[in-house]
């Protein structure tokens, strides 16, 4: 279990598996949902629920990406 700091120094706990998926998304910038395994898709959904990453529909595909730090 690790803690990640998001907006306004709010600390959120994430698992080691979630950390691996988060690092993959941070390294690539955006990751297409179909490029993830079923388990990674589940973990990405958990990260979306924790407001750590965002899910978008782009040209008919679902992608995951790290939100801009400048957004409110």
PDB file of N, CA and C in Angstrom:
ATOM      1  N   UNK A   1       0.854  -1.173   0.000  1.00  0.00           N
ATOM      2  CA  UNK A   1       0.000   0.000   0.000  1.00  0.00           C
ATOM      3  C   UNK A   1       0.897   1.231   0.000  1.00  0.00           C
ATOM      4  N   UNK A   2       0.546   2.156  -0.843  1.00  0.00           N
ATOM      5  CA  UNK A   2       1.275   3.423  -0.940  1.00  0.00           C
ATOM      6  C   UNK A   2       0.268   4.568  -0.858  1.00  0.00           C
ATOM      7  N   UNK A   3       0.795   5.747  -0.644  1.00  0.00           N
ATOM      8  CA  UNK A   3      -0.050   6.937  -0.654  1.00  0.00           C
ATOM      9  C   UNK A   3       0.425   7.834  -1.778  1.00  0.00           C
ATOM     10  N   UNK A   4      -0.527   8.398  -2.513  1.00  0.00           N
ATOM     11  CA  UNK A   4      -0.217   9.334  -3.581  1.00  0.00           C
ATOM     12  C   UNK A   4      -0.871  10.656  -3.233  1.00  0.00           C
ATOM     13  N   UNK A   5      -0.182  11.735  -3.494  1.00  0.00           N
ATOM     14  CA  UNK A   5      -0.697  13.062  -3.175  1.00  0.00           C
ATOM     15  C   UNK A   5      -1.337  13.666  -4.420  1.00  0.00           C
ATOM     16  N   UNK A   6      -2.587  14.107  -4.280  1.00  0.00           N
ATOM     17  CA  UNK A   6      -3.272  14.782  -5.381  1.00  0.00           C
ATOM     18  C   UNK A   6      -3.608  16.199  -4.951  1.00  0.00           C
ATOM     19  N   UNK A   7      -4.545  16.810  -5.595  1.00  0.00           N
ATOM     20  CA  UNK A   7      -4.884  18.216  -5.372  1.00  0.00           C
ATOM     21  C   UNK A   7      -4.917  18.614  -3.905  1.00  0.00           C
ATOM     22  N   UNK A   8      -4.353  19.768  -3.625  1.00  0.00           N
ATOM     23  CA  UNK A   8      -4.361  20.366  -2.282  1.00  0.00           C
ATOM     24  C   UNK A   8      -3.797  19.445  -1.203  1.00  0.00           C
ATOM     25  N   UNK A   9      -2.751  18.691  -1.569  1.00  0.00           N
ATOM     26  CA  UNK A   9      -2.038  17.827  -0.632  1.00  0.00           C
ATOM     27  C   UNK A   9      -2.922  16.753  -0.012  1.00  0.00           C
ATOM     28  N   UNK A  10      -3.949  16.334  -0.734  1.00  0.00           N
ATOM     29  CA  UNK A  10      -4.817  15.252  -0.298  1.00  0.00           C
ATOM     30  C   UNK A  10      -4.126  13.932  -0.603  1.00  0.00           C
ATOM     31  N   UNK A  11      -3.954  13.081   0.395  1.00  0.00           N
ATOM     32  CA  UNK A  11      -3.272  11.810   0.198  1.00  0.00           C
ATOM     33  C   UNK A  11      -4.287  10.687   0.050  1.00  0.00           C
ATOM     34  N   UNK A  12      -4.105   9.892  -1.005  1.00  0.00           N
ATOM     35  CA  UNK A  12      -5.002   8.792  -1.327  1.00  0.00           C
ATOM     36  C   UNK A  12      -4.202   7.492  -1.289  1.00  0.00           C
ATOM     37  N   UNK A  13      -4.701   6.457  -0.609  1.00  0.00           N
ATOM     38  CA  UNK A  13      -3.973   5.175  -0.621  1.00  0.00           C
ATOM     39  C   UNK A  13      -4.215   4.426  -1.934  1.00  0.00           C
ATOM     40  N   UNK A  14      -3.157   3.841  -2.493  1.00  0.00           N
ATOM     41  CA  UNK A  14      -3.292   2.991  -3.674  1.00  0.00           C
ATOM     42  C   UNK A  14      -2.479   1.720  -3.449  1.00  0.00           C
ATOM     43  N   UNK A  15      -2.895   0.650  -4.101  1.00  0.00           N
ATOM     44  CA  UNK A  15      -2.195  -0.621  -3.974  1.00  0.00           C
ATOM     45  C   UNK A  15      -0.970  -0.626  -4.886  1.00  0.00           C
ATOM     46  N   UNK A  16      -0.107  -1.612  -4.705  1.00  0.00           N
ATOM     47  CA  UNK A  16       1.068  -1.743  -5.554  1.00  0.00           C
ATOM     48  C   UNK A  16       0.663  -2.018  -7.006  1.00  0.00           C
ATOM     49  N   UNK A  17      -0.397  -2.794  -7.203  1.00  0.00           N
ATOM     50  CA  UNK A  17      -0.887  -3.063  -8.560  1.00  0.00           C
ATOM     51  C   UNK A  17      -1.382  -1.778  -9.223  1.00  0.00           C
ATOM     52  N   UNK A  18      -2.124  -0.970  -8.464  1.00  0.00           N
ATOM     53  CA  UNK A  18      -2.600   0.306  -9.001  1.00  0.00           C
ATOM     54  C   UNK A  18      -1.419   1.209  -9.340  1.00  0.00           C
ATOM     55  N   UNK A  19      -0.375   1.169  -8.539  1.00  0.00           N
ATOM     56  CA  UNK A  19       0.822   1.967  -8.785  1.00  0.00           C
ATOM     57  C   UNK A  19       1.457   1.579 -10.122  1.00  0.00           C
ATOM     58  N   UNK A  20       1.513   0.299 -10.423  1.00  0.00           N
ATOM     59  CA  UNK A  20       2.085  -0.163 -11.697  1.00  0.00           C
ATOM     60  C   UNK A  20       1.283   0.357 -12.891  1.00  0.00           C
ATOM     61  N   UNK A  21      -0.036   0.304 -12.792  1.00  0.00           N
ATOM     62  CA  UNK A  21      -0.885   0.810 -13.875  1.00  0.00           C
ATOM     63  C   UNK A  21      -0.722   2.322 -13.996  1.00  0.00           C
ATOM     64  N   UNK A  22      -0.669   3.018 -12.875  1.00  0.00           N
ATOM     65  CA  UNK A  22      -0.486   4.466 -12.879  1.00  0.00           C
ATOM     66  C   UNK A  22       0.838   4.854 -13.532  1.00  0.00           C
ATOM     67  N   UNK A  23       1.901   4.134 -13.214  1.00  0.00           N
ATOM     68  CA  UNK A  23       3.209   4.421 -13.817  1.00  0.00           C
ATOM     69  C   UNK A  23       3.176   4.203 -15.323  1.00  0.00           C
ATOM     70  N   UNK A  24       2.477   3.168 -15.757  1.00  0.00           N
ATOM     71  CA  UNK A  24       2.344   2.899 -17.203  1.00  0.00           C
ATOM     72  C   UNK A  24       1.635   4.052 -17.900  1.00  0.00           C
ATOM     73  N   UNK A  25       0.588   4.559 -17.294  1.00  0.00           N
ATOM     74  CA  UNK A  25      -0.165   5.678 -17.877  1.00  0.00           C
ATOM     75  C   UNK A  25       0.686   6.945 -17.858  1.00  0.00           C
ATOM     76  N   UNK A  26       1.420   7.177 -16.790  1.00  0.00           N
ATOM     77  CA  UNK A  26       2.277   8.356 -16.713  1.00  0.00           C
ATOM     78  C   UNK A  26       3.396   8.289 -17.747  1.00  0.00           C
ATOM     79  N   UNK A  27       3.970   7.113 -17.959  1.00  0.00           N
ATOM     80  CA  UNK A  27       5.061   6.959 -18.922  1.00  0.00           C
ATOM     81  C   UNK A  27       4.604   7.221 -20.356  1.00  0.00           C
ATOM     82  N   UNK A  28       3.411   6.702 -20.695  1.00  0.00           N
ATOM     83  CA  UNK A  28       2.920   6.829 -22.069  1.00  0.00           C
ATOM     84  C   UNK A  28       2.087   8.087 -22.292  1.00  0.00           C
ATOM     85  N   UNK A  29       1.616   8.707 -21.249  1.00  0.00           N
ATOM     86  CA  UNK A  29       0.756   9.881 -21.391  1.00  0.00           C
ATOM     87  C   UNK A  29      -0.712   9.498 -21.452  1.00  0.00           C
ATOM     88  N   UNK A  30      -1.063   8.667 -22.433  1.00  0.00           N
ATOM     89  CA  UNK A  30      -2.410   8.116 -22.532  1.00  0.00           C
ATOM     90  C   UNK A  30      -2.298   6.634 -22.876  1.00  0.00           C
ATOM     91  N   UNK A  31      -3.251   5.853 -22.383  1.00  0.00           N
ATOM     92  CA  UNK A  31      -3.277   4.420 -22.666  1.00  0.00           C
ATOM     93  C   UNK A  31      -4.678   4.053 -23.117  1.00  0.00           C
ATOM     94  N   UNK A  32      -4.756   3.326 -24.219  1.00  0.00           N
ATOM     95  CA  UNK A  32      -6.025   2.853 -24.738  1.00  0.00           C
ATOM     96  C   UNK A  32      -6.515   1.683 -23.877  1.00  0.00           C
ATOM     97  N   UNK A  33      -7.794   1.654 -23.592  1.00  0.00           N
ATOM     98  CA  UNK A  33      -8.361   0.605 -22.747  1.00  0.00           C
ATOM     99  C   UNK A  33      -8.110  -0.774 -23.334  1.00  0.00           C
ATOM    100  N   UNK A  34      -8.191  -0.911 -24.650  1.00  0.00           N
ATOM    101  CA  UNK A  34      -8.017  -2.227 -25.266  1.00  0.00           C
ATOM    102  C   UNK A  34      -6.565  -2.729 -25.203  1.00  0.00           C
ATOM    103  N   UNK A  35      -5.624  -1.847 -24.851  1.00  0.00           N
ATOM    104  CA  UNK A  35      -4.229  -2.253 -24.684  1.00  0.00           C
ATOM    105  C   UNK A  35      -3.940  -2.781 -23.279  1.00  0.00           C
ATOM    106  N   UNK A  36      -4.941  -2.742 -22.412  1.00  0.00           N
ATOM    107  CA  UNK A  36      -4.786  -3.215 -21.035  1.00  0.00           C
ATOM    108  C   UNK A  36      -5.419  -4.593 -20.886  1.00  0.00           C
ATOM    109  N   UNK A  37      -4.857  -5.372 -19.976  1.00  0.00           N
ATOM    110  CA  UNK A  37      -5.476  -6.663 -19.665  1.00  0.00           C
ATOM    111  C   UNK A  37      -6.766  -6.405 -18.875  1.00  0.00           C
ATOM    112  N   UNK A  38      -7.547  -7.456 -18.685  1.00  0.00           N
ATOM    113  CA  UNK A  38      -8.793  -7.308 -17.932  1.00  0.00           C
ATOM    114  C   UNK A  38      -8.522  -6.818 -16.504  1.00  0.00           C
ATOM    115  N   UNK A  39      -7.482  -7.339 -15.888  1.00  0.00           N
ATOM    116  CA  UNK A  39      -7.118  -6.919 -14.527  1.00  0.00           C
ATOM    117  C   UNK A  39      -6.671  -5.464 -14.517  1.00  0.00           C
ATOM    118  N   UNK A  40      -5.856  -5.055 -15.497  1.00  0.00           N
ATOM    119  CA  UNK A  40      -5.394  -3.674 -15.575  1.00  0.00           C
ATOM    120  C   UNK A  40      -6.563  -2.719 -15.826  1.00  0.00           C
ATOM    121  N   UNK A  41      -7.553  -3.156 -16.597  1.00  0.00           N
ATOM    122  CA  UNK A  41      -8.744  -2.327 -16.823  1.00  0.00           C
ATOM    123  C   UNK A  41      -9.495  -2.109 -15.511  1.00  0.00           C
ATOM    124  N   UNK A  42      -9.596  -3.162 -14.717  1.00  0.00           N
ATOM    125  CA  UNK A  42     -10.247  -3.044 -13.406  1.00  0.00           C
ATOM    126  C   UNK A  42      -9.482  -2.067 -12.514  1.00  0.00           C
ATOM    127  N   UNK A  43      -8.164  -2.197 -12.492  1.00  0.00           N
ATOM    128  CA  UNK A  43      -7.334  -1.310 -11.668  1.00  0.00           C
ATOM    129  C   UNK A  43      -7.420   0.134 -12.154  1.00  0.00           C
ATOM    130  N   UNK A  44      -7.465   0.331 -13.474  1.00  0.00           N
ATOM    131  CA  UNK A  44      -7.606   1.675 -14.030  1.00  0.00           C
ATOM    132  C   UNK A  44      -8.945   2.275 -13.613  1.00  0.00           C
ATOM    133  N   UNK A  45      -9.989   1.463 -13.591  1.00  0.00           N
ATOM    134  CA  UNK A  45     -11.299   1.946 -13.138  1.00  0.00           C
ATOM    135  C   UNK A  45     -11.238   2.369 -11.681  1.00  0.00           C
ATOM    136  N   UNK A  46     -10.514   1.616 -10.865  1.00  0.00           N
ATOM    137  CA  UNK A  46     -10.358   1.988  -9.461  1.00  0.00           C
ATOM    138  C   UNK A  46      -9.621   3.321  -9.327  1.00  0.00           C
ATOM    139  N   UNK A  47      -8.616   3.545 -10.168  1.00  0.00           N
ATOM    140  CA  UNK A  47      -7.889   4.820 -10.148  1.00  0.00           C
ATOM    141  C   UNK A  47      -8.778   5.970 -10.609  1.00  0.00           C
ATOM    142  N   UNK A  48      -9.674   5.712 -11.560  1.00  0.00           N
ATOM    143  CA  UNK A  48     -10.634   6.733 -11.990  1.00  0.00           C
ATOM    144  C   UNK A  48     -11.571   7.058 -10.825  1.00  0.00           C
ATOM    145  N   UNK A  49     -12.044   6.037 -10.129  1.00  0.00           N
ATOM    146  CA  UNK A  49     -12.946   6.246  -8.988  1.00  0.00           C
ATOM    147  C   UNK A  49     -12.281   7.040  -7.867  1.00  0.00           C
ATOM    148  N   UNK A  50     -10.961   6.923  -7.752  1.00  0.00           N
ATOM    149  CA  UNK A  50     -10.205   7.667  -6.738  1.00  0.00           C
ATOM    150  C   UNK A  50      -9.757   9.033  -7.246  1.00  0.00           C
ATOM    151  N   UNK A  51     -10.159   9.392  -8.471  1.00  0.00           N
ATOM    152  CA  UNK A  51      -9.827  10.685  -9.108  1.00  0.00           C
ATOM    153  C   UNK A  51      -8.329  10.875  -9.310  1.00  0.00           C
ATOM    154  N   UNK A  52      -7.614   9.798  -9.555  1.00  0.00           N
ATOM    155  CA  UNK A  52      -6.183   9.884  -9.797  1.00  0.00           C
ATOM    156  C   UNK A  52      -5.898   9.979 -11.296  1.00  0.00           C
ATOM    157  N   UNK A  53      -6.691   9.280 -12.099  1.00  0.00           N
ATOM    158  CA  UNK A  53      -6.604   9.383 -13.561  1.00  0.00           C
ATOM    159  C   UNK A  53      -7.989   9.675 -14.099  1.00  0.00           C
ATOM    160  N   UNK A  54      -8.068  10.013 -15.389  1.00  0.00           N
ATOM    161  CA  UNK A  54      -9.369  10.268 -16.004  1.00  0.00           C
ATOM    162  C   UNK A  54      -9.572   9.326 -17.182  1.00  0.00           C
ATOM    163  N   UNK A  55     -10.840   9.062 -17.468  1.00  0.00           N
ATOM    164  CA  UNK A  55     -11.230   8.205 -18.581  1.00  0.00           C
ATOM    165  C   UNK A  55     -11.948   9.092 -19.591  1.00  0.00           C
ATOM    166  N   UNK A  56     -11.541   8.993 -20.867  1.00  0.00           N
ATOM    167  CA  UNK A  56     -12.149   9.793 -21.925  1.00  0.00           C
ATOM    168  C   UNK A  56     -12.500   8.914 -23.105  1.00  0.00           C
ATOM    169  N   UNK A  57     -13.480   9.341 -23.871  1.00  0.00           N
ATOM    170  CA  UNK A  57     -13.780   8.684 -25.133  1.00  0.00           C
ATOM    171  C   UNK A  57     -13.139   9.520 -26.229  1.00  0.00           C
ATOM    172  N   UNK A  58     -12.263   8.894 -27.033  1.00  0.00           N
ATOM    173  CA  UNK A  58     -11.508   9.596 -28.056  1.00  0.00           C
ATOM    174  C   UNK A  58     -11.606   8.801 -29.357  1.00  0.00           C
ATOM    175  N   UNK A  59     -12.316   9.359 -30.347  1.00  0.00           N
ATOM    176  CA  UNK A  59     -12.519   8.695 -31.640  1.00  0.00           C
ATOM    177  C   UNK A  59     -13.123   7.301 -31.475  1.00  0.00           C
ATOM    178  N   UNK A  60     -14.085   7.169 -30.600  1.00  0.00           N
ATOM    179  CA  UNK A  60     -14.775   5.899 -30.401  1.00  0.00           C
ATOM    180  C   UNK A  60     -14.049   4.922 -29.485  1.00  0.00           C
ATOM    181  N   UNK A  61     -12.867   5.269 -29.013  1.00  0.00           N
ATOM    182  CA  UNK A  61     -12.103   4.413 -28.101  1.00  0.00           C
ATOM    183  C   UNK A  61     -12.034   5.049 -26.726  1.00  0.00           C
ATOM    184  N   UNK A  62     -11.951   4.228 -25.711  1.00  0.00           N
ATOM    185  CA  UNK A  62     -11.796   4.727 -24.349  1.00  0.00           C
ATOM    186  C   UNK A  62     -10.311   4.777 -24.031  1.00  0.00           C
ATOM    187  N   UNK A  63      -9.876   5.928 -23.512  1.00  0.00           N
ATOM    188  CA  UNK A  63      -8.472   6.093 -23.119  1.00  0.00           C
ATOM    189  C   UNK A  63      -8.410   6.546 -21.668  1.00  0.00           C
ATOM    190  N   UNK A  64      -7.292   6.234 -21.037  1.00  0.00           N
ATOM    191  CA  UNK A  64      -7.013   6.686 -19.680  1.00  0.00           C
ATOM    192  C   UNK A  64      -5.823   7.626 -19.742  1.00  0.00           C
ATOM    193  N   UNK A  65      -5.881   8.705 -18.948  1.00  0.00           N
ATOM    194  CA  UNK A  65      -4.759   9.631 -18.899  1.00  0.00           C
ATOM    195  C   UNK A  65      -4.704  10.322 -17.552  1.00  0.00           C
ATOM    196  N   UNK A  66      -3.546  10.865 -17.263  1.00  0.00           N
ATOM    197  CA  UNK A  66      -3.351  11.633 -16.025  1.00  0.00           C
ATOM    198  C   UNK A  66      -3.973  13.002 -16.221  1.00  0.00           C
ATOM    199  N   UNK A  67      -4.772  13.491 -15.280  1.00  0.00           N
ATOM    200  CA  UNK A  67      -5.374  14.820 -15.443  1.00  0.00           C
ATOM    201  C   UNK A  67      -4.320  15.929 -15.377  1.00  0.00           C
ATOM    202  N   UNK A  68      -4.619  17.049 -16.015  1.00  0.00           N
ATOM    203  CA  UNK A  68      -3.730  18.213 -15.945  1.00  0.00           C
ATOM    204  C   UNK A  68      -3.707  18.724 -14.520  1.00  0.00           C
ATOM    205  N   UNK A  69      -2.536  19.072 -14.036  1.00  0.00           N
ATOM    206  CA  UNK A  69      -2.425  19.569 -12.648  1.00  0.00           C
ATOM    207  C   UNK A  69      -2.964  20.982 -12.503  1.00  0.00           C
ATOM    208  N   UNK A  70      -3.209  21.674 -13.642  1.00  0.00           N
ATOM    209  CA  UNK A  70      -3.702  23.049 -13.583  1.00  0.00           C
ATOM    210  C   UNK A  70      -5.225  23.118 -13.509  1.00  0.00           C
ATOM    211  N   UNK A  71      -5.922  21.994 -13.696  1.00  0.00           N
ATOM    212  CA  UNK A  71      -7.380  22.031 -13.666  1.00  0.00           C
ATOM    213  C   UNK A  71      -7.903  22.162 -12.249  1.00  0.00           C
ATOM    214  N   UNK A  72      -9.121  22.720 -12.092  1.00  0.00           N
ATOM    215  CA  UNK A  72      -9.693  22.965 -10.774  1.00  0.00           C
ATOM    216  C   UNK A  72     -10.354  21.717 -10.225  1.00  0.00           C
TER     217      UNK A  72
END
